[in-house]
C-alpha cells in the first residue's frame, strides 16, 4: 500500500512459459495457501471500488471479508505492473517461510489462469503514509509514545530480517507507505517485492538500484553495491518522518523547505509537527 498513481490501460496476458514457471514455483512453496479466484472475487464484492484500500505500481489492494468472517488485504497484480512477475514470486519466496510480529503475514496467493494475487492479513490502520503523514487525510493523532513504539517495532522487524533469518534479507524499500499499522498501531513491514537474500559470506551484492527516491542510501544509489546499510539509511529517513510528522519530500512547500534531510542539516530551529 504505497503512495500511489496507477491507471489500468490494457489487459496483459502471460506467455505459456511464464504461466508454467509461476505455477511450478508457487506450487513448490509448502506454507502458502492457494486461494481460488472465485473466493477472492466474492470476498471483495467483485473487487468493488468501495473496498479499495491502496493502489501502487504493483496494482490495487482491496479489503476482503471471507465467509468465516475473517478479513484480508488482497493485493492484485496490475496488468502493466512495474513490479511484475519476478517481484510477485520474490515476495512469496521471501516471506512465505518467515514470521515475526513486525512483518506482514502472507496468508496465501492466487495463480489461477492469468490472475496473480497476494493475500495478507488485514491491518486496520493502513500505512504510516496514509495516517501519520497525511496521505489519506487522516484525523488520527499520534502521541510520542505511539511514535516511539512504531520506531522500535520497525527496528525489531529489520533486525530480524538482517540478523536472524538465514540467509539474511535486505528489504530495499523501507518507507512510510510500506509500514502498515494494526488496530493497536503496532507496525508491520510490508511489500517484499524488491527484497534480496544476503548470505553471510558476502560483503555486498552488485545489483540494479531499486527503491524509492528520498529513501535511497547515496552509496547504494551511486555504486549499486547493496548491503544492509541501505535499509538502515532508509530507516533513518523514516525515523525523521515519524518524529517530524511530515514526508521527506514535499514539493508544495517553499524550495528551501521541500527536502526534510536538507532542512534538518541546515536549520537548528526545526520544530517537529505533533
Protein backbone atom coordinates (compact mmCIF):
# COMPACT_ATOMS: atom_id res chain seq x y z
CA UNK A 1 0.00 0.00 0.00
CA UNK A 2 2.15 2.76 -1.31
CA UNK A 3 1.79 6.49 -2.28
CA UNK A 4 0.12 5.85 -5.47
CA UNK A 5 -0.55 6.66 -9.03
CA UNK A 6 -1.69 3.90 -11.35
CA UNK A 7 -4.05 3.60 -14.27
CA UNK A 8 -5.34 0.43 -15.92
CA UNK A 9 -4.97 0.79 -19.66
CA UNK A 10 -4.98 -2.64 -21.23
CA UNK A 11 -5.21 -6.27 -20.25
CA UNK A 12 -1.92 -8.11 -20.32
CA UNK A 13 -1.65 -11.83 -20.93
CA UNK A 14 1.16 -14.04 -19.66
CA UNK A 15 3.01 -16.33 -22.04
CA UNK A 16 2.68 -20.08 -21.64
CA UNK A 17 6.26 -20.25 -20.35
CA UNK A 18 5.61 -17.55 -17.74
CA UNK A 19 2.42 -19.25 -16.56
CA UNK A 20 4.12 -22.64 -16.23
CA UNK A 21 7.14 -21.09 -14.47
CA UNK A 22 4.97 -19.23 -11.96
CA UNK A 23 2.68 -22.17 -11.27
CA UNK A 24 5.64 -24.52 -10.72
CA UNK A 25 7.43 -22.11 -8.37
CA UNK A 26 4.36 -21.30 -6.31
CA UNK A 27 3.25 -24.92 -6.06
CA UNK A 28 6.68 -25.74 -4.66
CA UNK A 29 6.23 -23.42 -1.69
CA UNK A 30 4.89 -25.51 1.15
CA UNK A 31 3.47 -22.94 3.56
CA UNK A 32 1.47 -20.89 1.08
CA UNK A 33 -2.27 -21.40 0.71
CA UNK A 34 -3.60 -21.24 -2.85
CA UNK A 35 -6.87 -19.29 -2.98
CA UNK A 36 -9.42 -19.90 -5.77
CA UNK A 37 -10.04 -16.73 -7.75
CA UNK A 38 -13.79 -17.12 -7.18
CA UNK A 39 -13.30 -16.93 -3.40
CA UNK A 40 -11.30 -13.69 -3.63
CA UNK A 41 -13.83 -12.22 -6.03
CA UNK A 42 -16.64 -12.92 -3.57
CA UNK A 43 -14.63 -11.62 -0.59
CA UNK A 44 -14.05 -8.24 -2.28
CA UNK A 45 -17.54 -7.83 -3.77
CA UNK A 46 -16.19 -8.46 -7.26
CA UNK A 47 -13.22 -6.19 -6.47
CA UNK A 48 -15.58 -3.27 -5.89
CA UNK A 49 -14.07 0.19 -5.73
CA UNK A 50 -15.57 0.75 -2.28
CA UNK A 51 -13.28 -1.99 -0.96
CA UNK A 52 -10.11 -0.46 -2.43
CA UNK A 53 -7.66 0.44 0.32
CA UNK A 54 -4.46 1.06 -1.64
CA UNK A 55 -3.01 1.48 -5.10
CA UNK A 56 0.51 1.50 -6.49
CA UNK A 57 2.92 0.29 -9.14
CA UNK A 58 2.14 -3.32 -8.27
CA UNK A 59 -1.62 -2.87 -8.67
CA UNK A 60 -4.58 -2.42 -6.37
CA UNK A 61 -5.15 -3.63 -2.79
CA UNK A 62 -8.69 -4.47 -1.66
CA UNK A 63 -10.23 -5.20 1.69
CA UNK A 64 -11.86 -8.63 1.63
CA UNK A 65 -14.21 -10.39 4.02
CA UNK A 66 -14.29 -14.18 3.81
CA UNK A 67 -17.20 -16.49 4.62
CA UNK A 68 -15.88 -17.24 8.11
CA UNK A 69 -15.81 -13.50 8.89
CA UNK A 70 -12.05 -13.07 8.74
CA UNK A 71 -10.68 -10.14 6.78
CA UNK A 72 -7.75 -9.89 4.41
CA UNK A 73 -5.86 -7.38 2.32
CA UNK A 74 -5.96 -8.67 -1.24
CA UNK A 75 -3.21 -7.35 -3.50
CA UNK A 76 -3.94 -7.76 -7.21
CA UNK A 77 -1.04 -7.73 -9.69
CA UNK A 78 -1.71 -4.99 -12.24
CA UNK A 79 -1.83 -5.79 -15.92
CA UNK A 80 1.14 -3.48 -16.58
CA UNK A 81 2.72 -3.81 -13.14
CA UNK A 82 6.05 -2.11 -12.54
CA UNK A 83 6.93 -4.95 -10.21
CA UNK A 84 5.80 -7.74 -12.49
CA UNK A 85 6.04 -11.48 -12.24
CA UNK A 86 9.57 -11.62 -10.82
CA UNK A 87 8.69 -9.41 -7.87
CA UNK A 88 5.44 -11.32 -7.34
CA UNK A 89 7.45 -14.51 -6.90
CA UNK A 90 10.12 -12.77 -4.83
CA UNK A 91 7.52 -11.59 -2.34
CA UNK A 92 6.12 -15.10 -1.91
CA UNK A 93 9.54 -16.74 -1.65
CA UNK A 94 10.85 -14.21 0.86
CA UNK A 95 8.03 -14.11 3.40
CA UNK A 96 6.21 -17.42 2.98
CA UNK A 97 8.55 -19.17 5.40
CA UNK A 98 9.18 -16.44 7.98
CA UNK A 99 7.07 -14.99 10.76
CA UNK A 100 7.59 -12.04 13.08
CA UNK A 101 5.29 -9.68 14.96
CA UNK A 102 6.60 -6.73 12.96
CA UNK A 103 6.27 -8.26 9.48
CA UNK A 104 3.07 -8.56 7.47
CA UNK A 105 1.50 -12.01 7.41
CA UNK A 106 1.20 -13.61 3.98
CA UNK A 107 -1.95 -15.74 4.09
CA UNK A 108 -1.71 -17.10 0.57
CA UNK A 109 -1.91 -16.30 -3.12
CA UNK A 110 -3.87 -16.94 -6.30
CA UNK A 111 -2.25 -18.04 -9.56
CA UNK A 112 -5.38 -19.21 -11.32
CA UNK A 113 -5.27 -18.56 -15.05
CA UNK A 114 -3.72 -15.15 -15.64
CA UNK A 115 -4.58 -13.89 -12.14
CA UNK A 116 -1.68 -13.08 -9.83
CA UNK A 117 -2.92 -12.11 -6.37
CA UNK A 118 -1.37 -11.99 -2.88
CA UNK A 119 -3.50 -12.27 0.26
CA UNK A 120 -2.32 -10.71 3.55
CA UNK A 121 -3.74 -10.30 7.00
CA UNK A 122 -5.86 -7.15 7.17
CA UNK A 123 -4.44 -4.22 9.13
CA UNK A 124 -6.99 -1.72 10.35
CA UNK A 125 -4.93 1.49 10.28
CA UNK A 126 -3.44 1.35 6.80
CA UNK A 127 0.09 2.75 6.44
CA UNK A 128 2.18 5.46 8.08
CA UNK A 129 1.98 7.41 4.82
CA UNK A 130 -1.81 7.38 5.00
CA UNK A 131 -2.28 8.05 8.70
CA UNK A 132 0.71 9.82 10.26
CA UNK A 133 1.98 11.68 7.19
CA UNK A 134 -1.43 12.67 5.89
CA UNK A 135 -1.58 10.81 2.58
CA UNK A 136 -5.11 9.72 3.43
CA UNK A 137 -6.12 12.97 5.17
CA UNK A 138 -6.35 11.06 8.43
CA UNK A 139 -7.57 12.69 11.61
CA UNK A 140 -5.64 10.23 13.79
CA UNK A 141 -3.39 11.70 16.46
CA UNK A 142 -0.07 10.03 17.28
CA UNK A 143 1.34 10.53 20.75
CA UNK A 144 5.09 10.50 21.32
CA UNK A 145 4.69 7.07 22.96
CA UNK A 146 2.93 5.72 19.85
CA UNK A 147 5.64 7.13 17.58
CA UNK A 148 8.37 5.66 19.77
CA UNK A 149 6.70 2.24 19.71
CA UNK A 150 6.38 2.38 15.93
CA UNK A 151 10.10 3.21 15.59
CA UNK A 152 11.07 0.36 17.91
CA UNK A 153 8.76 -2.10 16.14
CA UNK A 154 10.20 -1.31 12.70
CA UNK A 155 13.72 -1.61 14.13
CA UNK A 156 12.88 -5.05 15.55
CA UNK A 157 11.49 -6.18 12.21
CA UNK A 158 14.61 -5.03 10.38
CA UNK A 159 16.90 -6.63 12.95
CA UNK A 160 15.05 -9.91 12.45
CA UNK A 161 15.48 -9.71 8.66
CA UNK A 162 19.12 -8.62 8.84
CA UNK A 163 20.40 -10.85 11.64
CA UNK A 164 18.12 -13.79 12.43
CA UNK A 165 16.78 -15.00 9.09
CA UNK A 166 19.13 -17.24 7.10
CA UNK A 167 20.12 -16.16 4.55
CA UNK A 168 19.67 -12.58 5.70
CA UNK A 169 17.13 -10.40 3.89
CA UNK A 170 17.60 -6.83 2.68
CA UNK A 171 14.22 -5.22 2.10
CA UNK A 172 15.39 -2.40 -0.26
CA UNK A 173 12.19 -0.36 0.03
CA UNK A 174 11.73 0.73 3.65
CA UNK A 175 9.45 3.77 3.57
CA UNK A 176 6.34 5.15 5.26
CA UNK A 177 3.90 3.58 2.79
CA UNK A 178 5.40 0.13 3.43
CA UNK A 179 4.91 0.32 7.19
CA UNK A 180 1.38 -0.84 8.00
CA UNK A 181 -0.37 -0.40 11.33
CA UNK A 182 -2.74 -2.76 13.12
CA UNK A 183 -5.60 -1.67 15.38
CA UNK A 184 -3.15 -1.01 18.24
CA UNK A 185 -0.73 0.92 15.98
CA UNK A 186 1.80 -1.90 16.02
CA UNK A 187 3.93 -1.57 12.85
CA UNK A 188 4.32 -4.29 10.21
CA UNK A 189 6.92 -4.10 7.44
CA UNK A 190 5.27 -4.91 4.09
CA UNK A 191 5.97 -5.18 0.36
CA UNK A 192 8.93 -7.52 -0.14
CA UNK A 193 8.86 -7.46 -3.93
CA UNK A 194 12.30 -5.81 -4.15
CA UNK A 195 13.92 -7.82 -1.34
CA UNK A 196 17.28 -9.54 -1.78
CA UNK A 197 18.73 -12.52 0.06
CA UNK A 198 22.13 -11.73 1.58
CA UNK A 199 24.34 -14.72 2.53
CA UNK A 200 26.80 -14.39 5.43
CA UNK A 201 29.88 -14.81 3.24
CA UNK A 202 29.21 -11.74 1.05
CA UNK A 203 30.32 -8.17 1.73
CA UNK A 204 27.87 -6.70 -0.78
CA UNK A 205 25.64 -7.54 -3.73
CA UNK A 206 26.12 -5.72 -7.03
CA UNK A 207 22.65 -5.13 -8.41
CA UNK A 208 20.50 -2.62 -10.21
CA UNK A 209 19.43 0.21 -7.95
CA UNK A 210 15.86 -0.18 -6.74
CA UNK A 211 13.85 1.61 -4.11
CA UNK A 212 12.19 4.97 -3.63
CA UNK A 213 13.66 8.43 -4.17
CA UNK A 214 14.28 10.16 -0.86
CA UNK A 215 14.99 6.91 0.97
CA UNK A 216 17.95 5.63 -1.09
CA UNK A 217 21.36 5.48 0.58
CA UNK A 218 23.75 7.62 -1.51
CA UNK A 219 26.49 4.96 -1.74
CA UNK A 220 23.97 2.38 -2.95
CA UNK A 221 22.38 4.78 -5.45
CA UNK A 222 25.79 5.74 -6.88
CA UNK A 223 27.63 2.40 -6.92
CA UNK A 224 24.83 -0.18 -6.99
CA UNK A 225 26.55 -2.10 -4.20
CA UNK A 226 23.87 -3.35 -1.83
CA UNK A 227 24.48 -4.01 1.87
CA UNK A 228 22.24 -3.95 4.92
CA UNK A 229 23.26 -0.32 5.37
CA UNK A 230 20.85 0.57 2.54
CA UNK A 231 17.92 -0.45 4.74
CA UNK A 232 19.43 1.32 7.74
CA UNK A 233 19.71 4.59 5.81
CA UNK A 234 16.07 4.28 4.68
CA UNK A 235 15.09 3.56 8.28
CA UNK A 236 16.90 6.73 9.36
CA UNK A 237 14.85 8.78 6.91
CA UNK A 238 11.71 7.08 8.19
CA UNK A 239 12.62 7.99 11.77
CA UNK A 240 12.86 11.67 10.80
CA UNK A 241 9.43 11.44 9.18
CA UNK A 242 7.89 9.81 12.25
CA UNK A 243 9.40 12.38 14.63
CA UNK A 244 8.58 15.41 12.47
CA UNK A 245 5.22 14.23 11.15
CA UNK A 246 6.00 15.16 7.55
CA UNK A 247 7.15 13.41 4.36
CA UNK A 248 10.82 13.53 3.44
CA UNK A 249 9.88 15.42 0.26
CA UNK A 250 7.06 17.94 -0.11
CA UNK A 251 7.16 19.97 -3.32
CA UNK A 252 4.23 22.13 -2.23
CA UNK A 253 6.47 23.88 0.31
CA UNK A 254 8.92 26.71 -0.49
CA UNK A 255 12.08 25.40 -2.17
CA UNK A 256 14.20 25.83 0.96
CA UNK A 257 11.82 23.61 2.94
CA UNK A 258 10.94 20.90 0.42
CA UNK A 259 13.53 18.32 1.48
CA UNK A 260 13.42 17.14 5.08
CA UNK A 261 17.04 15.94 5.25
CA UNK A 262 18.39 19.25 3.97
CA UNK A 263 16.24 21.18 6.39
CA UNK A 264 17.42 19.08 9.32
CA UNK A 265 21.08 19.61 8.39
CA UNK A 266 20.84 23.32 7.65
CA UNK A 267 18.40 24.52 10.29
CA UNK A 268 18.80 24.48 14.05
CA UNK A 269 15.32 25.81 14.76
CA UNK A 270 13.46 22.89 13.18
CA UNK A 271 10.32 22.04 15.15
CA UNK A 272 8.63 18.63 14.90
CA UNK A 273 4.94 18.61 13.99
CA UNK A 274 2.83 16.95 16.68
